[in-house]
Amino acid sequence: MNPLDECEQKAGSVSLAERALSIEHSIATLGDPDEEECERLWAAEAERRYAEYKKGNISAQTADEVFRNARAGLASVR
């Protein structure tokens, strides 16, 4: 069994409060994201998506469509 599987298995045997503390600790160990790196990655992703759009591999959606789909998706998880 790999370490992640072991961790998931053990998480099922502790209280909700203990799991929450463990999650908070795990998130804290990730550190703060480097803002410049995030900007660089988003810019690269935007360029990749635009290139795919220009090639005709993906279609564009209006902002209204995007927000409508997002609201529908959020409503389905409530």
N, C-alpha and C. Protein backbone atom coordinates (compact mmCIF):
# COMPACT_ATOMS: atom_id res chain seq x y z
N MET A 1 0.85 -1.17 0.00
CA MET A 1 0.00 0.00 0.00
C MET A 1 0.90 1.24 0.00
N ASN A 2 0.58 2.21 -0.86
CA ASN A 2 1.42 3.41 -0.90
C ASN A 2 1.08 4.35 0.26
N PRO A 3 1.95 5.30 0.57
CA PRO A 3 1.74 6.18 1.73
C PRO A 3 0.42 6.96 1.68
N LEU A 4 0.01 7.39 0.50
CA LEU A 4 -1.24 8.14 0.40
C LEU A 4 -2.43 7.26 0.73
N ASP A 5 -2.42 6.03 0.23
CA ASP A 5 -3.50 5.09 0.56
C ASP A 5 -3.55 4.82 2.06
N GLU A 6 -2.38 4.66 2.68
CA GLU A 6 -2.32 4.44 4.13
C GLU A 6 -2.92 5.62 4.89
N CYS A 7 -2.55 6.81 4.45
CA CYS A 7 -3.05 8.03 5.10
C CYS A 7 -4.57 8.11 4.98
N GLU A 8 -5.09 7.84 3.79
CA GLU A 8 -6.54 7.88 3.59
C GLU A 8 -7.24 6.84 4.45
N GLN A 9 -6.66 5.68 4.56
CA GLN A 9 -7.25 4.61 5.37
C GLN A 9 -7.28 5.02 6.85
N LYS A 10 -6.17 5.57 7.33
CA LYS A 10 -6.09 5.99 8.73
C LYS A 10 -7.03 7.16 9.01
N ALA A 11 -7.23 8.04 8.03
CA ALA A 11 -8.10 9.20 8.22
C ALA A 11 -9.53 8.78 8.56
N GLY A 12 -9.94 7.64 8.06
CA GLY A 12 -11.28 7.15 8.34
C GLY A 12 -11.47 6.69 9.77
N SER A 13 -10.38 6.51 10.50
CA SER A 13 -10.48 5.98 11.86
C SER A 13 -10.33 7.06 12.94
N VAL A 14 -10.18 8.32 12.54
CA VAL A 14 -10.05 9.40 13.53
C VAL A 14 -11.28 10.30 13.47
N SER A 15 -11.42 11.14 14.48
CA SER A 15 -12.60 12.01 14.55
C SER A 15 -12.55 13.08 13.47
N LEU A 16 -13.70 13.67 13.23
CA LEU A 16 -13.80 14.75 12.24
C LEU A 16 -12.88 15.91 12.62
N ALA A 17 -12.83 16.24 13.90
CA ALA A 17 -11.97 17.33 14.36
C ALA A 17 -10.50 17.03 14.08
N GLU A 18 -10.10 15.78 14.31
CA GLU A 18 -8.71 15.39 14.04
C GLU A 18 -8.41 15.44 12.55
N ARG A 19 -9.36 15.02 11.73
CA ARG A 19 -9.16 15.10 10.28
C ARG A 19 -9.04 16.54 9.84
N ALA A 20 -9.88 17.42 10.40
CA ALA A 20 -9.83 18.84 10.04
C ALA A 20 -8.47 19.44 10.40
N LEU A 21 -7.97 19.12 11.59
CA LEU A 21 -6.64 19.61 11.99
C LEU A 21 -5.55 19.09 11.07
N SER A 22 -5.67 17.84 10.68
CA SER A 22 -4.68 17.25 9.77
C SER A 22 -4.71 17.95 8.42
N ILE A 23 -5.90 18.24 7.94
CA ILE A 23 -6.03 18.94 6.66
C ILE A 23 -5.43 20.33 6.75
N GLU A 24 -5.75 21.05 7.84
CA GLU A 24 -5.19 22.39 8.02
C GLU A 24 -3.67 22.34 8.04
N HIS A 25 -3.12 21.36 8.74
CA HIS A 25 -1.66 21.22 8.79
C HIS A 25 -1.10 20.94 7.40
N SER A 26 -1.75 20.05 6.67
CA SER A 26 -1.27 19.71 5.32
C SER A 26 -1.28 20.92 4.41
N ILE A 27 -2.33 21.72 4.48
CA ILE A 27 -2.42 22.92 3.66
C ILE A 27 -1.32 23.91 4.05
N ALA A 28 -1.09 24.05 5.35
CA ALA A 28 -0.06 24.98 5.83
C ALA A 28 1.33 24.60 5.32
N THR A 29 1.57 23.31 5.13
CA THR A 29 2.89 22.88 4.67
C THR A 29 3.13 23.20 3.20
N LEU A 30 2.06 23.56 2.49
CA LEU A 30 2.23 23.89 1.07
C LEU A 30 2.91 25.24 0.90
N GLY A 31 2.80 26.11 1.89
CA GLY A 31 3.41 27.42 1.79
C GLY A 31 2.58 28.35 0.94
N ASP A 32 2.99 29.60 0.92
CA ASP A 32 2.28 30.59 0.12
C ASP A 32 2.67 30.44 -1.34
N PRO A 33 1.68 30.55 -2.23
CA PRO A 33 2.03 30.46 -3.65
C PRO A 33 2.82 31.69 -4.07
N ASP A 34 3.74 31.50 -4.95
CA ASP A 34 4.52 32.59 -5.51
C ASP A 34 3.65 33.32 -6.52
N GLU A 35 3.31 34.57 -6.22
CA GLU A 35 2.38 35.32 -7.07
C GLU A 35 2.90 35.45 -8.51
N GLU A 36 4.17 35.70 -8.66
CA GLU A 36 4.73 35.83 -10.01
C GLU A 36 4.62 34.51 -10.78
N GLU A 37 4.86 33.40 -10.09
CA GLU A 37 4.75 32.09 -10.73
C GLU A 37 3.30 31.82 -11.13
N CYS A 38 2.36 32.18 -10.25
CA CYS A 38 0.94 32.00 -10.58
C CYS A 38 0.57 32.82 -11.82
N GLU A 39 1.01 34.05 -11.86
CA GLU A 39 0.73 34.91 -13.02
C GLU A 39 1.32 34.32 -14.30
N ARG A 40 2.56 33.82 -14.19
CA ARG A 40 3.21 33.23 -15.36
C ARG A 40 2.45 32.00 -15.84
N LEU A 41 2.03 31.15 -14.90
CA LEU A 41 1.29 29.95 -15.27
C LEU A 41 -0.06 30.28 -15.90
N TRP A 42 -0.79 31.27 -15.33
CA TRP A 42 -2.08 31.65 -15.91
C TRP A 42 -1.90 32.27 -17.30
N ALA A 43 -0.85 33.06 -17.48
CA ALA A 43 -0.59 33.65 -18.80
C ALA A 43 -0.30 32.56 -19.82
N ALA A 44 0.49 31.57 -19.43
CA ALA A 44 0.79 30.45 -20.34
C ALA A 44 -0.47 29.67 -20.67
N GLU A 45 -1.34 29.46 -19.68
CA GLU A 45 -2.60 28.74 -19.92
C GLU A 45 -3.51 29.54 -20.85
N ALA A 46 -3.57 30.85 -20.65
CA ALA A 46 -4.39 31.70 -21.53
C ALA A 46 -3.87 31.64 -22.96
N GLU A 47 -2.56 31.69 -23.13
CA GLU A 47 -1.98 31.60 -24.47
C GLU A 47 -2.27 30.25 -25.11
N ARG A 48 -2.18 29.18 -24.32
CA ARG A 48 -2.48 27.84 -24.84
C ARG A 48 -3.93 27.74 -25.29
N ARG A 49 -4.84 28.25 -24.47
CA ARG A 49 -6.27 28.20 -24.82
C ARG A 49 -6.56 29.03 -26.06
N TYR A 50 -5.94 30.21 -26.16
CA TYR A 50 -6.16 31.06 -27.32
C TYR A 50 -5.65 30.38 -28.59
N ALA A 51 -4.50 29.74 -28.52
CA ALA A 51 -3.96 29.02 -29.67
C ALA A 51 -4.91 27.89 -30.09
N GLU A 52 -5.46 27.16 -29.13
CA GLU A 52 -6.42 26.09 -29.43
C GLU A 52 -7.68 26.67 -30.08
N TYR A 53 -8.13 27.81 -29.59
CA TYR A 53 -9.30 28.48 -30.17
C TYR A 53 -9.02 28.89 -31.62
N LYS A 54 -7.85 29.49 -31.86
CA LYS A 54 -7.49 29.94 -33.21
C LYS A 54 -7.38 28.77 -34.18
N LYS A 55 -6.96 27.60 -33.69
CA LYS A 55 -6.87 26.40 -34.54
C LYS A 55 -8.23 25.78 -34.79
N GLY A 56 -9.24 26.22 -34.05
CA GLY A 56 -10.57 25.65 -34.20
C GLY A 56 -10.80 24.41 -33.35
N ASN A 57 -9.88 24.13 -32.44
CA ASN A 57 -10.01 22.94 -31.59
C ASN A 57 -11.00 23.12 -30.44
N ILE A 58 -11.23 24.37 -30.04
CA ILE A 58 -12.20 24.65 -28.99
C ILE A 58 -13.05 25.83 -29.41
N SER A 59 -14.24 25.91 -28.86
CA SER A 59 -15.13 27.03 -29.18
C SER A 59 -15.14 28.03 -28.03
N ALA A 60 -15.57 29.22 -28.35
CA ALA A 60 -15.65 30.27 -27.33
C ALA A 60 -17.07 30.30 -26.77
N GLN A 61 -17.20 30.81 -25.56
CA GLN A 61 -18.50 31.01 -24.94
C GLN A 61 -18.60 32.46 -24.52
N THR A 62 -19.83 32.98 -24.55
CA THR A 62 -20.02 34.34 -24.05
C THR A 62 -19.93 34.32 -22.53
N ALA A 63 -19.71 35.48 -21.95
CA ALA A 63 -19.66 35.57 -20.49
C ALA A 63 -20.98 35.10 -19.89
N ASP A 64 -22.10 35.45 -20.54
CA ASP A 64 -23.41 35.01 -20.04
C ASP A 64 -23.49 33.49 -19.97
N GLU A 65 -22.98 32.81 -21.00
CA GLU A 65 -23.00 31.34 -21.01
C GLU A 65 -22.13 30.77 -19.89
N VAL A 66 -20.96 31.36 -19.72
CA VAL A 66 -20.04 30.89 -18.69
C VAL A 66 -20.67 31.02 -17.31
N PHE A 67 -21.25 32.20 -17.02
CA PHE A 67 -21.85 32.41 -15.71
C PHE A 67 -23.09 31.55 -15.51
N ARG A 68 -23.88 31.37 -16.56
CA ARG A 68 -25.06 30.51 -16.46
C ARG A 68 -24.64 29.07 -16.13
N ASN A 69 -23.63 28.58 -16.84
CA ASN A 69 -23.13 27.22 -16.58
C ASN A 69 -22.54 27.10 -15.17
N ALA A 70 -21.82 28.13 -14.74
CA ALA A 70 -21.23 28.10 -13.40
C ALA A 70 -22.32 28.08 -12.34
N ARG A 71 -23.35 28.91 -12.51
CA ARG A 71 -24.45 28.93 -11.54
C ARG A 71 -25.17 27.58 -11.51
N ALA A 72 -25.38 27.00 -12.68
CA ALA A 72 -26.05 25.69 -12.74
C ALA A 72 -25.20 24.63 -12.04
N GLY A 73 -23.90 24.67 -12.25
CA GLY A 73 -23.02 23.71 -11.59
C GLY A 73 -23.02 23.87 -10.08
N LEU A 74 -23.00 25.12 -9.62
CA LEU A 74 -23.03 25.36 -8.18
C LEU A 74 -24.36 24.94 -7.58
N ALA A 75 -25.44 25.19 -8.30
CA ALA A 75 -26.77 24.81 -7.79
C ALA A 75 -26.89 23.29 -7.65
N SER A 76 -26.21 22.56 -8.51
CA SER A 76 -26.33 21.10 -8.47
C SER A 76 -25.58 20.48 -7.29
N VAL A 77 -24.64 21.21 -6.69
CA VAL A 77 -23.90 20.67 -5.56
C VAL A 77 -24.46 21.12 -4.22
N ARG A 78 -25.46 21.96 -4.24
CA ARG A 78 -26.06 22.44 -2.99
C ARG A 78 -27.03 21.47 -2.44
